[in-house]
Amino acid sequence: PMGTMTETTRFSDILYRRLTFALVLWFGITAVFIHTVRPDLVLWERNLSIYAVGPAGWLLVSGFYAIALAQLLIALRLYELRQSAGDLLIVFLLTMAAFGVTLVAFYPYTIRTPHNLGAAMQLGLFPIFLWLWVFLHRGDALWRFTLLMALLSSSTFVVLVWNGETDYNIGTTALAQKSEILVNSLWLLVYAWHMPPRPR
């Protein structure tokens, strides 16, 4: 019976990890695909949310919901693995970032206030989440990778905010946004693949 329970638990851990990985991957597939069917929109001039309205926009919306759920699943696992009060803050930040993506998915960019709030939550909180994870998990196997992702995520966010504050368009706003989304998604994808099992 004990062996059967261990095998069942191991199987559920693998399923949990693969489901999370698949959700992030689905978001990546929808984000890439939507660019191929919208030649009317210029890659480096239009934020990702604009692609969610119009032809095949529902696909990208499903991708937004998928990556929000993936972040919630990772947040839940991080909660189960928590070792300090700082880990609870990590869980909170990732959960709020996931809530931000949910707002982005539910409210199209034409409904600006909740949509922009959601985007700000996701893009603003995720770099903080990464830096706090780096600070608290120095011995982790993914520490160096996460440090690199934290540097890239925060750098692209700074470019995004700076360019958003300027009164002229130098063509980097959308590129910075998409670059940060790529970096954040890459971290989620790698962490999902290597996600530690649930503590026994």
Protein backbone atom coordinates (compact mmCIF):
# COMPACT_ATOMS: atom_id res chain seq x y z
CA PRO A 1 0.00 0.00 0.00
CA MET A 2 2.82 2.41 0.89
CA GLY A 3 4.53 1.69 -2.43
CA THR A 4 1.28 2.23 -4.30
CA MET A 5 0.74 5.55 -2.51
CA THR A 6 4.27 6.66 -3.39
CA GLU A 7 3.77 5.76 -7.04
CA THR A 8 0.41 7.58 -7.11
CA THR A 9 1.95 10.66 -5.51
CA ARG A 10 4.87 10.57 -7.95
CA PHE A 11 2.47 10.27 -10.88
CA SER A 12 0.37 13.23 -9.65
CA ASP A 13 3.56 15.31 -9.30
CA ILE A 14 4.59 14.51 -12.87
CA LEU A 15 1.07 15.29 -14.12
CA TYR A 16 1.05 18.59 -12.21
CA ARG A 17 4.42 19.58 -13.64
CA ARG A 18 3.49 18.61 -17.21
CA LEU A 19 0.13 20.38 -17.02
CA THR A 20 1.84 23.58 -15.87
CA PHE A 21 4.46 23.25 -18.61
CA ALA A 22 1.76 22.63 -21.24
CA LEU A 23 -0.19 25.72 -20.16
CA VAL A 24 2.87 27.99 -20.54
CA LEU A 25 3.72 26.32 -23.84
CA TRP A 26 0.16 26.90 -25.09
CA PHE A 27 0.50 30.60 -24.36
CA GLY A 28 3.76 30.67 -26.33
CA ILE A 29 2.18 28.87 -29.27
CA THR A 30 -0.82 31.23 -29.37
CA ALA A 31 1.42 34.31 -29.08
CA VAL A 32 3.59 33.18 -32.00
CA PHE A 33 0.66 31.98 -34.11
CA ILE A 34 -1.34 35.20 -33.74
CA HIS A 35 1.54 37.14 -35.31
CA THR A 36 1.40 34.93 -38.41
CA VAL A 37 -2.30 35.59 -39.02
CA ARG A 38 -2.17 39.35 -38.41
CA PRO A 39 0.16 40.75 -41.08
CA ASP A 40 -1.79 44.02 -40.80
CA LEU A 41 -0.11 44.65 -37.43
CA VAL A 42 3.61 45.50 -37.21
CA LEU A 43 5.50 43.28 -34.74
CA TRP A 44 7.53 46.04 -33.08
CA GLU A 45 4.81 48.68 -33.11
CA ARG A 46 1.82 46.91 -31.56
CA ASN A 47 1.54 45.58 -28.01
CA LEU A 48 0.52 41.95 -27.66
CA SER A 49 -2.94 42.77 -26.27
CA ILE A 50 -3.97 44.42 -29.55
CA TYR A 51 -3.68 41.01 -31.26
CA ALA A 52 -6.34 39.64 -28.88
CA VAL A 53 -9.00 41.71 -30.64
CA GLY A 54 -9.84 40.73 -34.20
CA PRO A 55 -9.16 37.61 -36.31
CA ALA A 56 -8.18 34.59 -34.15
CA GLY A 57 -7.98 36.87 -31.12
CA TRP A 58 -9.79 34.28 -29.02
CA LEU A 59 -6.75 32.01 -29.38
CA LEU A 60 -4.49 34.55 -27.71
CA VAL A 61 -7.12 35.16 -25.03
CA SER A 62 -7.05 31.42 -24.29
CA GLY A 63 -3.26 31.73 -24.06
CA PHE A 64 -3.59 34.55 -21.52
CA TYR A 65 -5.89 32.43 -19.36
CA ALA A 66 -3.52 29.48 -19.72
CA ILE A 67 -0.44 31.37 -18.52
CA ALA A 68 -2.46 32.89 -15.67
CA LEU A 69 -3.44 29.39 -14.54
CA ALA A 70 0.16 28.20 -14.93
CA GLN A 71 1.33 30.99 -12.62
CA LEU A 72 -1.31 30.04 -10.07
CA LEU A 73 -0.20 26.39 -10.18
CA ILE A 74 3.44 27.42 -9.66
CA ALA A 75 2.38 29.78 -6.86
CA LEU A 76 0.55 26.90 -5.18
CA ARG A 77 3.61 24.67 -5.42
CA LEU A 78 5.83 27.47 -4.06
CA TYR A 79 3.37 27.82 -1.18
CA GLU A 80 3.68 24.09 -0.44
CA LEU A 81 7.49 24.42 -0.55
CA ARG A 82 7.61 27.60 1.58
CA GLN A 83 10.35 27.87 4.19
CA SER A 84 10.02 31.47 5.37
CA ALA A 85 7.76 34.52 5.50
CA GLY A 86 9.63 35.76 2.43
CA ASP A 87 8.35 32.75 0.51
CA LEU A 88 4.80 33.81 1.33
CA LEU A 89 5.57 37.19 -0.26
CA ILE A 90 6.88 35.38 -3.34
CA VAL A 91 3.61 33.43 -3.56
CA PHE A 92 1.60 36.63 -3.14
CA LEU A 93 3.52 38.45 -5.91
CA LEU A 94 3.11 35.61 -8.39
CA THR A 95 -0.56 35.22 -7.52
CA MET A 96 -1.18 38.94 -8.08
CA ALA A 97 0.76 38.78 -11.37
CA ALA A 98 -1.52 35.91 -12.43
CA PHE A 99 -4.55 37.98 -11.46
CA GLY A 100 -3.15 40.74 -13.66
CA VAL A 101 -3.02 38.44 -16.70
CA THR A 102 -6.59 37.37 -15.95
CA LEU A 103 -7.69 41.02 -16.11
CA VAL A 104 -5.83 41.38 -19.42
CA ALA A 105 -7.64 38.32 -20.78
CA PHE A 106 -11.09 39.31 -19.51
CA TYR A 107 -10.97 43.00 -20.46
CA PRO A 108 -9.75 43.74 -24.01
CA TYR A 109 -7.36 46.66 -24.50
CA THR A 110 -10.31 48.83 -25.57
CA ILE A 111 -11.52 48.77 -21.93
CA ARG A 112 -8.40 50.57 -20.84
CA THR A 113 -8.52 50.97 -17.06
CA PRO A 114 -8.85 47.32 -15.92
CA HIS A 115 -6.81 46.09 -18.90
CA ASN A 116 -3.91 48.46 -18.23
CA LEU A 117 -4.08 47.72 -14.50
CA GLY A 118 -3.78 44.01 -15.25
CA ALA A 119 -0.85 44.55 -17.61
CA ALA A 120 0.90 46.74 -15.02
CA MET A 121 0.40 44.07 -12.34
CA GLN A 122 1.84 41.29 -14.52
CA LEU A 123 4.73 43.22 -16.05
CA GLY A 124 5.56 45.17 -12.90
CA LEU A 125 5.27 42.45 -10.25
CA PHE A 126 6.97 39.62 -12.14
CA PRO A 127 10.50 41.15 -12.07
CA ILE A 128 10.07 41.82 -8.32
CA PHE A 129 8.95 38.21 -7.87
CA LEU A 130 12.07 36.98 -9.70
CA TRP A 131 14.45 39.17 -7.67
CA LEU A 132 12.91 38.07 -4.38
CA TRP A 133 13.16 34.43 -5.48
CA VAL A 134 16.84 35.00 -6.32
CA PHE A 135 17.44 36.60 -2.91
CA LEU A 136 15.77 33.78 -0.96
CA HIS A 137 16.86 30.72 -2.96
CA ARG A 138 20.59 31.16 -3.47
CA GLY A 139 21.31 27.43 -3.29
CA ASP A 140 18.69 26.37 -5.82
CA ALA A 141 19.72 24.63 -9.05
CA LEU A 142 17.87 27.29 -11.07
CA TRP A 143 19.46 30.22 -9.17
CA ARG A 144 21.80 31.41 -11.94
CA PHE A 145 19.14 31.02 -14.60
CA THR A 146 16.64 32.94 -12.46
CA LEU A 147 19.22 35.68 -11.81
CA LEU A 148 19.67 36.09 -15.57
CA MET A 149 15.90 36.16 -16.10
CA ALA A 150 15.50 38.73 -13.29
CA LEU A 151 18.11 40.99 -14.92
CA LEU A 152 16.47 40.70 -18.34
CA SER A 153 12.90 41.03 -17.04
CA SER A 154 13.63 44.14 -14.98
CA SER A 155 15.72 45.69 -17.78
CA THR A 156 12.97 45.29 -20.36
CA PHE A 157 10.43 46.61 -17.85
CA VAL A 158 12.55 49.73 -17.26
CA VAL A 159 12.76 50.31 -21.03
CA LEU A 160 9.00 49.79 -21.29
CA VAL A 161 8.24 52.29 -18.51
CA TRP A 162 10.77 54.84 -19.75
CA ASN A 163 9.50 54.72 -23.30
CA GLY A 164 5.93 54.87 -22.06
CA GLU A 165 6.74 58.13 -20.29
CA THR A 166 8.16 59.79 -23.41
CA ASP A 167 5.91 61.82 -25.67
CA TYR A 168 7.36 60.32 -28.84
CA ASN A 169 7.39 56.78 -30.16
CA ILE A 170 10.88 55.43 -30.82
CA GLY A 171 9.45 52.03 -31.64
CA THR A 172 10.59 50.22 -28.50
CA THR A 173 7.41 50.16 -26.40
CA ALA A 174 5.87 47.08 -28.00
CA LEU A 175 9.27 45.43 -28.43
CA ALA A 176 10.14 45.96 -24.77
CA GLN A 177 6.75 44.61 -23.70
CA LYS A 178 7.04 41.53 -25.87
CA SER A 179 10.64 40.98 -24.77
CA GLU A 180 9.64 41.01 -21.11
CA ILE A 181 6.74 38.66 -21.80
CA LEU A 182 9.18 36.32 -23.58
CA VAL A 183 11.63 36.40 -20.65
CA ASN A 184 8.92 35.88 -18.02
CA SER A 185 7.37 33.05 -20.02
CA LEU A 186 10.75 31.38 -20.47
CA TRP A 187 11.28 31.36 -16.70
CA LEU A 188 7.82 29.87 -16.16
CA LEU A 189 8.48 27.23 -18.82
CA VAL A 190 11.83 26.18 -17.34
CA TYR A 191 10.59 26.24 -13.75
CA ALA A 192 7.51 24.20 -14.69
CA TRP A 193 9.76 21.56 -16.26
CA HIS A 194 12.03 21.41 -13.18
CA MET A 195 9.36 22.06 -10.56
CA PRO A 196 10.18 20.29 -7.27
CA PRO A 197 7.72 17.64 -6.09
CA ARG A 198 5.19 18.38 -3.40
CA PRO A 199 6.71 17.92 0.08
CA ARG A 200 5.73 14.66 1.72
